[in-house]
Amino acid sequence: MPFIARQEPFTCEHCDADVEPLETGSYRNHCPKCLWSRHVDDAGPGDRASTCKSMMKPVGIDHRKKKGWMIVHLCEGCGKEIPNKAACDDDLSILKS
């Protein structure tokens, strides 16, 4: 499934932070303060087709040669694990401690 670009502001359902879209040309799908996300995509990034809609806990960090730092999210509802590209203003120290 192709990537569907979505630049949408949102309020984090974990820490209540107001999250603005990135201005760097990249796309945000998680809170930069607590790194939590929500399981909204199903077959591909941006499709918003997931029926789960549960919160996704940041459980790890990984570095990929072509994509850079990736935050690993684990869905608290269905258990799906999804890596997501870290944004320039993410507080990655949460995962490195």
PDB file of N, CA and C in Angstrom:
ATOM      1  N   MET A   1       0.848  -1.190   0.000  1.00  0.00           N
ATOM      2  CA  MET A   1       0.000   0.000   0.000  1.00  0.00           C
ATOM      3  C   MET A   1       0.883   1.240   0.000  1.00  0.00           C
ATOM      4  N   PRO A   2       0.567   2.222  -0.814  1.00  0.00           N
ATOM      5  CA  PRO A   2       1.382   3.432  -0.875  1.00  0.00           C
ATOM      6  C   PRO A   2       1.230   4.300   0.372  1.00  0.00           C
ATOM      7  N   PHE A   3       2.247   5.095   0.628  1.00  0.00           N
ATOM      8  CA  PHE A   3       2.230   6.052   1.722  1.00  0.00           C
ATOM      9  C   PHE A   3       1.251   7.173   1.385  1.00  0.00           C
ATOM     10  N   ILE A   4       0.348   7.487   2.311  1.00  0.00           N
ATOM     11  CA  ILE A   4      -0.609   8.584   2.126  1.00  0.00           C
ATOM     12  C   ILE A   4      -0.161   9.723   3.040  1.00  0.00           C
ATOM     13  N   ALA A   5       0.309  10.807   2.455  1.00  0.00           N
ATOM     14  CA  ALA A   5       0.836  11.929   3.229  1.00  0.00           C
ATOM     15  C   ALA A   5      -0.285  12.655   3.966  1.00  0.00           C
ATOM     16  N   ARG A   6      -0.122  12.789   5.285  1.00  0.00           N
ATOM     17  CA  ARG A   6      -1.121  13.503   6.090  1.00  0.00           C
ATOM     18  C   ARG A   6      -0.401  14.418   7.071  1.00  0.00           C
ATOM     19  N   GLN A   7      -0.660  15.703   6.969  1.00  0.00           N
ATOM     20  CA  GLN A   7      -0.125  16.691   7.895  1.00  0.00           C
ATOM     21  C   GLN A   7      -1.287  17.173   8.753  1.00  0.00           C
ATOM     22  N   GLU A   8      -1.483  16.541   9.907  1.00  0.00           N
ATOM     23  CA  GLU A   8      -2.634  16.847  10.745  1.00  0.00           C
ATOM     24  C   GLU A   8      -2.205  17.172  12.170  1.00  0.00           C
ATOM     25  N   PRO A   9      -2.635  18.320  12.716  1.00  0.00           N
ATOM     26  CA  PRO A   9      -2.379  18.582  14.136  1.00  0.00           C
ATOM     27  C   PRO A   9      -3.270  17.659  14.965  1.00  0.00           C
ATOM     28  N   PHE A  10      -2.834  17.348  16.179  1.00  0.00           N
ATOM     29  CA  PHE A  10      -3.657  16.517  17.062  1.00  0.00           C
ATOM     30  C   PHE A  10      -3.283  16.778  18.517  1.00  0.00           C
ATOM     31  N   THR A  11      -4.156  16.346  19.421  1.00  0.00           N
ATOM     32  CA  THR A  11      -3.875  16.388  20.851  1.00  0.00           C
ATOM     33  C   THR A  11      -3.519  14.982  21.279  1.00  0.00           C
ATOM     34  N   CYS A  12      -2.375  14.829  21.933  1.00  0.00           N
ATOM     35  CA  CYS A  12      -1.917  13.511  22.368  1.00  0.00           C
ATOM     36  C   CYS A  12      -2.895  12.951  23.398  1.00  0.00           C
ATOM     37  N   GLU A  13      -3.340  11.744  23.160  1.00  0.00           N
ATOM     38  CA  GLU A  13      -4.286  11.107  24.084  1.00  0.00           C
ATOM     39  C   GLU A  13      -3.591  10.493  25.295  1.00  0.00           C
ATOM     40  N   HIS A  14      -2.258  10.530  25.312  1.00  0.00           N
ATOM     41  CA  HIS A  14      -1.516  10.004  26.464  1.00  0.00           C
ATOM     42  C   HIS A  14      -1.112  11.120  27.426  1.00  0.00           C
ATOM     43  N   CYS A  15      -0.570  12.230  26.892  1.00  0.00           N
ATOM     44  CA  CYS A  15      -0.085  13.301  27.778  1.00  0.00           C
ATOM     45  C   CYS A  15      -0.790  14.639  27.561  1.00  0.00           C
ATOM     46  N   ASP A  16      -1.755  14.702  26.665  1.00  0.00           N
ATOM     47  CA  ASP A  16      -2.553  15.901  26.376  1.00  0.00           C
ATOM     48  C   ASP A  16      -1.776  17.048  25.717  1.00  0.00           C
ATOM     49  N   ALA A  17      -0.585  16.777  25.192  1.00  0.00           N
ATOM     50  CA  ALA A  17       0.168  17.821  24.495  1.00  0.00           C
ATOM     51  C   ALA A  17      -0.504  18.142  23.164  1.00  0.00           C
ATOM     52  N   ASP A  18      -0.486  19.418  22.797  1.00  0.00           N
ATOM     53  CA  ASP A  18      -0.961  19.829  21.474  1.00  0.00           C
ATOM     54  C   ASP A  18       0.196  19.632  20.510  1.00  0.00           C
ATOM     55  N   VAL A  19      -0.005  18.799  19.486  1.00  0.00           N
ATOM     56  CA  VAL A  19       1.059  18.429  18.558  1.00  0.00           C
ATOM     57  C   VAL A  19       0.766  19.025  17.188  1.00  0.00           C
ATOM     58  N   GLU A  20       1.716  19.816  16.708  1.00  0.00           N
ATOM     59  CA  GLU A  20       1.594  20.467  15.405  1.00  0.00           C
ATOM     60  C   GLU A  20       2.306  19.631  14.342  1.00  0.00           C
ATOM     61  N   PRO A  21       1.904  19.753  13.086  1.00  0.00           N
ATOM     62  CA  PRO A  21       2.605  19.058  12.004  1.00  0.00           C
ATOM     63  C   PRO A  21       4.053  19.540  11.894  1.00  0.00           C
ATOM     64  N   LEU A  22       4.900  18.697  11.375  1.00  0.00           N
ATOM     65  CA  LEU A  22       6.287  19.068  11.140  1.00  0.00           C
ATOM     66  C   LEU A  22       6.371  20.039   9.968  1.00  0.00           C
ATOM     67  N   GLU A  23       7.324  20.941  10.016  1.00  0.00           N
ATOM     68  CA  GLU A  23       7.527  21.891   8.931  1.00  0.00           C
ATOM     69  C   GLU A  23       8.711  21.504   8.061  1.00  0.00           C
ATOM     70  N   THR A  24       9.278  20.331   8.303  1.00  0.00           N
ATOM     71  CA  THR A  24      10.492  19.911   7.607  1.00  0.00           C
ATOM     72  C   THR A  24      10.214  19.095   6.352  1.00  0.00           C
ATOM     73  N   GLY A  25       8.948  18.898   6.011  1.00  0.00           N
ATOM     74  CA  GLY A  25       8.613  18.083   4.857  1.00  0.00           C
ATOM     75  C   GLY A  25       8.390  16.631   5.212  1.00  0.00           C
ATOM     76  N   SER A  26       8.568  16.295   6.484  1.00  0.00           N
ATOM     77  CA  SER A  26       8.319  14.938   6.951  1.00  0.00           C
ATOM     78  C   SER A  26       6.935  14.902   7.594  1.00  0.00           C
ATOM     79  N   TYR A  27       6.522  13.723   8.037  1.00  0.00           N
ATOM     80  CA  TYR A  27       5.179  13.564   8.594  1.00  0.00           C
ATOM     81  C   TYR A  27       5.240  12.968   9.985  1.00  0.00           C
ATOM     82  N   ARG A  28       4.406  13.473  10.884  1.00  0.00           N
ATOM     83  CA  ARG A  28       4.410  13.062  12.286  1.00  0.00           C
ATOM     84  C   ARG A  28       3.205  12.155  12.563  1.00  0.00           C
ATOM     85  N   ASN A  29       3.449  11.063  13.288  1.00  0.00           N
ATOM     86  CA  ASN A  29       2.343  10.184  13.676  1.00  0.00           C
ATOM     87  C   ASN A  29       2.378   9.848  15.162  1.00  0.00           C
ATOM     88  N   HIS A  30       3.192  10.572  15.922  1.00  0.00           N
ATOM     89  CA  HIS A  30       3.301  10.327  17.355  1.00  0.00           C
ATOM     90  C   HIS A  30       3.639  11.633  18.072  1.00  0.00           C
ATOM     91  N   CYS A  31       3.456  11.641  19.369  1.00  0.00           N
ATOM     92  CA  CYS A  31       3.716  12.821  20.182  1.00  0.00           C
ATOM     93  C   CYS A  31       5.229  12.979  20.392  1.00  0.00           C
ATOM     94  N   PRO A  32       5.792  14.170  20.160  1.00  0.00           N
ATOM     95  CA  PRO A  32       7.226  14.359  20.349  1.00  0.00           C
ATOM     96  C   PRO A  32       7.641  14.412  21.825  1.00  0.00           C
ATOM     97  N   LYS A  33       6.687  14.656  22.707  1.00  0.00           N
ATOM     98  CA  LYS A  33       7.007  14.761  24.136  1.00  0.00           C
ATOM     99  C   LYS A  33       7.039  13.403  24.839  1.00  0.00           C
ATOM    100  N   CYS A  34       6.017  12.562  24.608  1.00  0.00           N
ATOM    101  CA  CYS A  34       5.951  11.262  25.290  1.00  0.00           C
ATOM    102  C   CYS A  34       6.172  10.092  24.340  1.00  0.00           C
ATOM    103  N   LEU A  35       6.164  10.359  23.029  1.00  0.00           N
ATOM    104  CA  LEU A  35       6.388   9.387  21.954  1.00  0.00           C
ATOM    105  C   LEU A  35       5.244   8.404  21.727  1.00  0.00           C
ATOM    106  N   TRP A  36       4.135   8.533  22.447  1.00  0.00           N
ATOM    107  CA  TRP A  36       2.997   7.640  22.251  1.00  0.00           C
ATOM    108  C   TRP A  36       2.302   7.961  20.927  1.00  0.00           C
ATOM    109  N   SER A  37       1.622   6.963  20.396  1.00  0.00           N
ATOM    110  CA  SER A  37       0.904   7.094  19.140  1.00  0.00           C
ATOM    111  C   SER A  37      -0.470   6.455  19.303  1.00  0.00           C
ATOM    112  N   ARG A  38      -1.212   6.391  18.227  1.00  0.00           N
ATOM    113  CA  ARG A  38      -2.514   5.721  18.231  1.00  0.00           C
ATOM    114  C   ARG A  38      -2.593   4.844  16.995  1.00  0.00           C
ATOM    115  N   HIS A  39      -3.162   3.657  17.140  1.00  0.00           N
ATOM    116  CA  HIS A  39      -3.244   2.693  16.045  1.00  0.00           C
ATOM    117  C   HIS A  39      -4.380   3.086  15.112  1.00  0.00           C
ATOM    118  N   VAL A  40      -4.056   3.942  14.139  1.00  0.00           N
ATOM    119  CA  VAL A  40      -5.077   4.425  13.210  1.00  0.00           C
ATOM    120  C   VAL A  40      -4.904   3.883  11.788  1.00  0.00           C
ATOM    121  N   ASP A  41      -3.675   3.470  11.439  1.00  0.00           N
ATOM    122  CA  ASP A  41      -3.424   2.955  10.086  1.00  0.00           C
ATOM    123  C   ASP A  41      -3.452   1.432  10.081  1.00  0.00           C
ATOM    124  N   ASP A  42      -3.862   0.876   8.942  1.00  0.00           N
ATOM    125  CA  ASP A  42      -3.981  -0.579   8.832  1.00  0.00           C
ATOM    126  C   ASP A  42      -2.985  -1.149   7.829  1.00  0.00           C
ATOM    127  N   ALA A  43      -3.275  -1.026   6.550  1.00  0.00           N
ATOM    128  CA  ALA A  43      -2.441  -1.639   5.515  1.00  0.00           C
ATOM    129  C   ALA A  43      -1.204  -0.815   5.175  1.00  0.00           C
ATOM    130  N   GLY A  44      -1.251   0.489   5.412  1.00  0.00           N
ATOM    131  CA  GLY A  44      -0.113   1.333   5.073  1.00  0.00           C
ATOM    132  C   GLY A  44      -0.184   2.673   5.763  1.00  0.00           C
ATOM    133  N   PRO A  45       0.958   3.368   5.858  1.00  0.00           N
ATOM    134  CA  PRO A  45       1.009   4.666   6.531  1.00  0.00           C
ATOM    135  C   PRO A  45       0.048   5.674   5.916  1.00  0.00           C
ATOM    136  N   GLY A  46      -0.799   6.267   6.763  1.00  0.00           N
ATOM    137  CA  GLY A  46      -1.715   7.310   6.328  1.00  0.00           C
ATOM    138  C   GLY A  46      -3.080   6.839   5.863  1.00  0.00           C
ATOM    139  N   ASP A  47      -3.315   5.519   5.827  1.00  0.00           N
ATOM    140  CA  ASP A  47      -4.614   5.054   5.305  1.00  0.00           C
ATOM    141  C   ASP A  47      -5.772   5.250   6.285  1.00  0.00           C
ATOM    142  N   ARG A  48      -5.482   5.414   7.561  1.00  0.00           N
ATOM    143  CA  ARG A  48      -6.488   5.630   8.621  1.00  0.00           C
ATOM    144  C   ARG A  48      -7.592   4.567   8.614  1.00  0.00           C
ATOM    145  N   ALA A  49      -7.246   3.338   8.236  1.00  0.00           N
ATOM    146  CA  ALA A  49      -8.227   2.267   8.079  1.00  0.00           C
ATOM    147  C   ALA A  49      -8.250   1.262   9.229  1.00  0.00           C
ATOM    148  N   SER A  50      -7.449   1.455  10.269  1.00  0.00           N
ATOM    149  CA  SER A  50      -7.440   0.502  11.376  1.00  0.00           C
ATOM    150  C   SER A  50      -8.748   0.577  12.155  1.00  0.00           C
ATOM    151  N   THR A  51      -9.271  -0.570  12.519  1.00  0.00           N
ATOM    152  CA  THR A  51     -10.466  -0.611  13.362  1.00  0.00           C
ATOM    153  C   THR A  51     -10.080  -0.693  14.841  1.00  0.00           C
ATOM    154  N   CYS A  52      -8.811  -0.897  15.133  1.00  0.00           N
ATOM    155  CA  CYS A  52      -8.335  -1.048  16.509  1.00  0.00           C
ATOM    156  C   CYS A  52      -8.445   0.267  17.295  1.00  0.00           C
ATOM    157  N   LYS A  53      -7.787   1.301  16.814  1.00  0.00           N
ATOM    158  CA  LYS A  53      -7.791   2.640  17.414  1.00  0.00           C
ATOM    159  C   LYS A  53      -7.228   2.708  18.832  1.00  0.00           C
ATOM    160  N   SER A  54      -6.527   1.672  19.295  1.00  0.00           N
ATOM    161  CA  SER A  54      -5.949   1.676  20.641  1.00  0.00           C
ATOM    162  C   SER A  54      -4.676   2.514  20.688  1.00  0.00           C
ATOM    163  N   MET A  55      -4.210   2.809  21.883  1.00  0.00           N
ATOM    164  CA  MET A  55      -2.971   3.555  22.054  1.00  0.00           C
ATOM    165  C   MET A  55      -1.770   2.644  21.790  1.00  0.00           C
ATOM    166  N   MET A  56      -0.715   3.267  21.260  1.00  0.00           N
ATOM    167  CA  MET A  56       0.508   2.545  20.927  1.00  0.00           C
ATOM    168  C   MET A  56       1.646   3.073  21.791  1.00  0.00           C
ATOM    169  N   LYS A  57       2.185   2.196  22.605  1.00  0.00           N
ATOM    170  CA  LYS A  57       3.243   2.533  23.548  1.00  0.00           C
ATOM    171  C   LYS A  57       4.608   2.470  22.865  1.00  0.00           C
ATOM    172  N   PRO A  58       5.466   3.484  23.089  1.00  0.00           N
ATOM    173  CA  PRO A  58       6.824   3.407  22.560  1.00  0.00           C
ATOM    174  C   PRO A  58       7.612   2.400  23.397  1.00  0.00           C
ATOM    175  N   VAL A  59       8.105   1.345  22.762  1.00  0.00           N
ATOM    176  CA  VAL A  59       8.770   0.274  23.518  1.00  0.00           C
ATOM    177  C   VAL A  59      10.233   0.087  23.159  1.00  0.00           C
ATOM    178  N   GLY A  60      10.708   0.785  22.134  1.00  0.00           N
ATOM    179  CA  GLY A  60      12.097   0.624  21.760  1.00  0.00           C
ATOM    180  C   GLY A  60      12.514   1.617  20.697  1.00  0.00           C
ATOM    181  N   ILE A  61      13.797   1.572  20.406  1.00  0.00           N
ATOM    182  CA  ILE A  61      14.358   2.430  19.382  1.00  0.00           C
ATOM    183  C   ILE A  61      15.323   1.603  18.556  1.00  0.00           C
ATOM    184  N   ASP A  62      15.352   1.869  17.265  1.00  0.00           N
ATOM    185  CA  ASP A  62      16.192   1.103  16.354  1.00  0.00           C
ATOM    186  C   ASP A  62      16.776   2.081  15.339  1.00  0.00           C
ATOM    187  N   HIS A  63      17.940   1.765  14.812  1.00  0.00           N
ATOM    188  CA  HIS A  63      18.529   2.611  13.781  1.00  0.00           C
ATOM    189  C   HIS A  63      18.606   1.820  12.486  1.00  0.00           C
ATOM    190  N   ARG A  64      18.077   2.398  11.429  1.00  0.00           N
ATOM    191  CA  ARG A  64      18.093   1.756  10.114  1.00  0.00           C
ATOM    192  C   ARG A  64      18.932   2.602   9.170  1.00  0.00           C
ATOM    193  N   LYS A  65      19.748   1.926   8.403  1.00  0.00           N
ATOM    194  CA  LYS A  65      20.711   2.605   7.535  1.00  0.00           C
ATOM    195  C   LYS A  65      20.060   3.644   6.624  1.00  0.00           C
ATOM    196  N   LYS A  66      18.932   3.328   6.016  1.00  0.00           N
ATOM    197  CA  LYS A  66      18.303   4.244   5.061  1.00  0.00           C
ATOM    198  C   LYS A  66      17.272   5.187   5.681  1.00  0.00           C
ATOM    199  N   LYS A  67      16.748   4.853   6.855  1.00  0.00           N
ATOM    200  CA  LYS A  67      15.679   5.670   7.439  1.00  0.00           C
ATOM    201  C   LYS A  67      16.105   6.423   8.692  1.00  0.00           C
ATOM    202  N   GLY A  68      17.209   6.055   9.301  1.00  0.00           N
ATOM    203  CA  GLY A  68      17.653   6.707  10.535  1.00  0.00           C
ATOM    204  C   GLY A  68      16.987   6.091  11.756  1.00  0.00           C
ATOM    205  N   TRP A  69      16.795   6.911  12.795  1.00  0.00           N
ATOM    206  CA  TRP A  69      16.207   6.420  14.044  1.00  0.00           C
ATOM    207  C   TRP A  69      14.729   6.095  13.858  1.00  0.00           C
ATOM    208  N   MET A  70      14.331   4.949  14.364  1.00  0.00           N
ATOM    209  CA  MET A  70      12.954   4.476  14.290  1.00  0.00           C
ATOM    210  C   MET A  70      12.461   4.210  15.714  1.00  0.00           C
ATOM    211  N   ILE A  71      11.270   4.684  16.028  1.00  0.00           N
ATOM    212  CA  ILE A  71      10.637   4.395  17.320  1.00  0.00           C
ATOM    213  C   ILE A  71       9.744   3.180  17.110  1.00  0.00           C
ATOM    214  N   VAL A  72       9.912   2.181  17.949  1.00  0.00           N
ATOM    215  CA  VAL A  72       9.093   0.973  17.852  1.00  0.00           C
ATOM    216  C   VAL A  72       7.895   1.144  18.776  1.00  0.00           C
ATOM    217  N   HIS A  73       6.694   1.073  18.191  1.00  0.00           N
ATOM    218  CA  HIS A  73       5.452   1.204  18.957  1.00  0.00           C
ATOM    219  C   HIS A  73       4.759  -0.150  19.055  1.00  0.00           C
ATOM    220  N   LEU A  74       4.192  -0.443  20.215  1.00  0.00           N
ATOM    221  CA  LEU A  74       3.434  -1.666  20.451  1.00  0.00           C
ATOM    222  C   LEU A  74       1.997  -1.286  20.790  1.00  0.00           C
ATOM    223  N   CYS A  75       1.053  -1.799  20.005  1.00  0.00           N
ATOM    224  CA  CYS A  75      -0.357  -1.494  20.227  1.00  0.00           C
ATOM    225  C   CYS A  75      -0.849  -2.191  21.490  1.00  0.00           C
ATOM    226  N   GLU A  76      -1.450  -1.422  22.386  1.00  0.00           N
ATOM    227  CA  GLU A  76      -1.973  -1.984  23.633  1.00  0.00           C
ATOM    228  C   GLU A  76      -3.274  -2.747  23.435  1.00  0.00           C
ATOM    229  N   GLY A  77      -3.890  -2.611  22.257  1.00  0.00           N
ATOM    230  CA  GLY A  77      -5.135  -3.313  21.982  1.00  0.00           C
ATOM    231  C   GLY A  77      -4.927  -4.650  21.301  1.00  0.00           C
ATOM    232  N   CYS A  78      -4.263  -4.624  20.142  1.00  0.00           N
ATOM    233  CA  CYS A  78      -4.128  -5.838  19.334  1.00  0.00           C
ATOM    234  C   CYS A  78      -2.724  -6.438  19.343  1.00  0.00           C
ATOM    235  N   GLY A  79      -1.749  -5.723  19.905  1.00  0.00           N
ATOM    236  CA  GLY A  79      -0.398  -6.251  19.999  1.00  0.00           C
ATOM    237  C   GLY A  79       0.472  -6.044  18.771  1.00  0.00           C
ATOM    238  N   LYS A  80      -0.035  -5.337  17.763  1.00  0.00           N
ATOM    239  CA  LYS A  80       0.752  -5.095  16.554  1.00  0.00           C
ATOM    240  C   LYS A  80       1.938  -4.188  16.887  1.00  0.00           C
ATOM    241  N   GLU A  81       3.104  -4.535  16.347  1.00  0.00           N
ATOM    242  CA  GLU A  81       4.300  -3.741  16.547  1.00  0.00           C
ATOM    243  C   GLU A  81       4.622  -3.009  15.252  1.00  0.00           C
ATOM    244  N   ILE A  82       4.815  -1.693  15.350  1.00  0.00           N
ATOM    245  CA  ILE A  82       5.043  -0.877  14.161  1.00  0.00           C
ATOM    246  C   ILE A  82       6.221   0.069  14.407  1.00  0.00           C
ATOM    247  N   PRO A  83       7.249   0.033  13.545  1.00  0.00           N
ATOM    248  CA  PRO A  83       8.332   1.016  13.655  1.00  0.00           C
ATOM    249  C   PRO A  83       7.935   2.304  12.931  1.00  0.00           C
ATOM    250  N   ASN A  84       8.260   3.438  13.524  1.00  0.00           N
ATOM    251  CA  ASN A  84       7.936   4.736  12.938  1.00  0.00           C
ATOM    252  C   ASN A  84       9.168   5.621  12.961  1.00  0.00           C
ATOM    253  N   LYS A  85       9.393   6.348  11.881  1.00  0.00           N
ATOM    254  CA  LYS A  85      10.552   7.223  11.776  1.00  0.00           C
ATOM    255  C   LYS A  85      10.482   8.310  12.847  1.00  0.00           C
ATOM    256  N   ALA A  86      11.587   8.495  13.559  1.00  0.00           N
ATOM    257  CA  ALA A  86      11.663   9.539  14.576  1.00  0.00           C
ATOM    258  C   ALA A  86      11.692  10.904  13.904  1.00  0.00           C
ATOM    259  N   ALA A  87      11.080  11.887  14.550  1.00  0.00           N
ATOM    260  CA  ALA A  87      11.077  13.257  14.038  1.00  0.00           C
ATOM    261  C   ALA A  87      12.213  14.047  14.709  1.00  0.00           C
ATOM    262  N   CYS A  88      12.562  15.153  14.088  1.00  0.00           N
ATOM    263  CA  CYS A  88      13.698  15.953  14.562  1.00  0.00           C
ATOM    264  C   CYS A  88      13.509  16.503  15.981  1.00  0.00           C
ATOM    265  N   ASP A  89      12.278  16.674  16.440  1.00  0.00           N
ATOM    266  CA  ASP A  89      12.045  17.249  17.776  1.00  0.00           C
ATOM    267  C   ASP A  89      11.551  16.212  18.795  1.00  0.00           C
ATOM    268  N   ASP A  90      11.667  14.921  18.483  1.00  0.00           N
ATOM    269  CA  ASP A  90      11.254  13.875  19.425  1.00  0.00           C
ATOM    270  C   ASP A  90      12.209  13.793  20.607  1.00  0.00           C
ATOM    271  N   ASP A  91      11.663  13.569  21.792  1.00  0.00           N
ATOM    272  CA  ASP A  91      12.475  13.387  22.995  1.00  0.00           C
ATOM    273  C   ASP A  91      12.861  11.907  23.100  1.00  0.00           C
ATOM    274  N   LEU A  92      13.893  11.518  22.365  1.00  0.00           N
ATOM    275  CA  LEU A  92      14.313  10.101  22.335  1.00  0.00           C
ATOM    276  C   LEU A  92      14.959   9.643  23.626  1.00  0.00           C
ATOM    277  N   SER A  93      15.280  10.583  24.527  1.00  0.00           N
ATOM    278  CA  SER A  93      15.878  10.192  25.802  1.00  0.00           C
ATOM    279  C   SER A  93      14.919   9.312  26.608  1.00  0.00           C
ATOM    280  N   ILE A  94      13.635   9.411  26.328  1.00  0.00           N
ATOM    281  CA  ILE A  94      12.636   8.574  27.000  1.00  0.00           C
ATOM    282  C   ILE A  94      12.942   7.096  26.765  1.00  0.00           C
ATOM    283  N   LEU A  95      13.414   6.756  25.573  1.00  0.00           N
ATOM    284  CA  LEU A  95      13.680   5.366  25.214  1.00  0.00           C
ATOM    285  C   LEU A  95      15.108   4.936  25.469  1.00  0.00           C
ATOM    286  N   LYS A  96      16.008   5.859  25.618  1.00  0.00           N
ATOM    287  CA  LYS A  96      17.426   5.523  25.781  1.00  0.00           C
ATOM    288  C   LYS A  96      17.831   5.305  27.225  1.00  0.00           C
ATOM    289  N   SER A  97      16.938   5.571  28.152  1.00  0.00           N
ATOM    290  CA  SER A  97      17.297   5.418  29.574  1.00  0.00           C
ATOM    291  C   SER A  97      16.981   4.033  30.082  1.00  0.00           C
TER     292      SER A  97
END
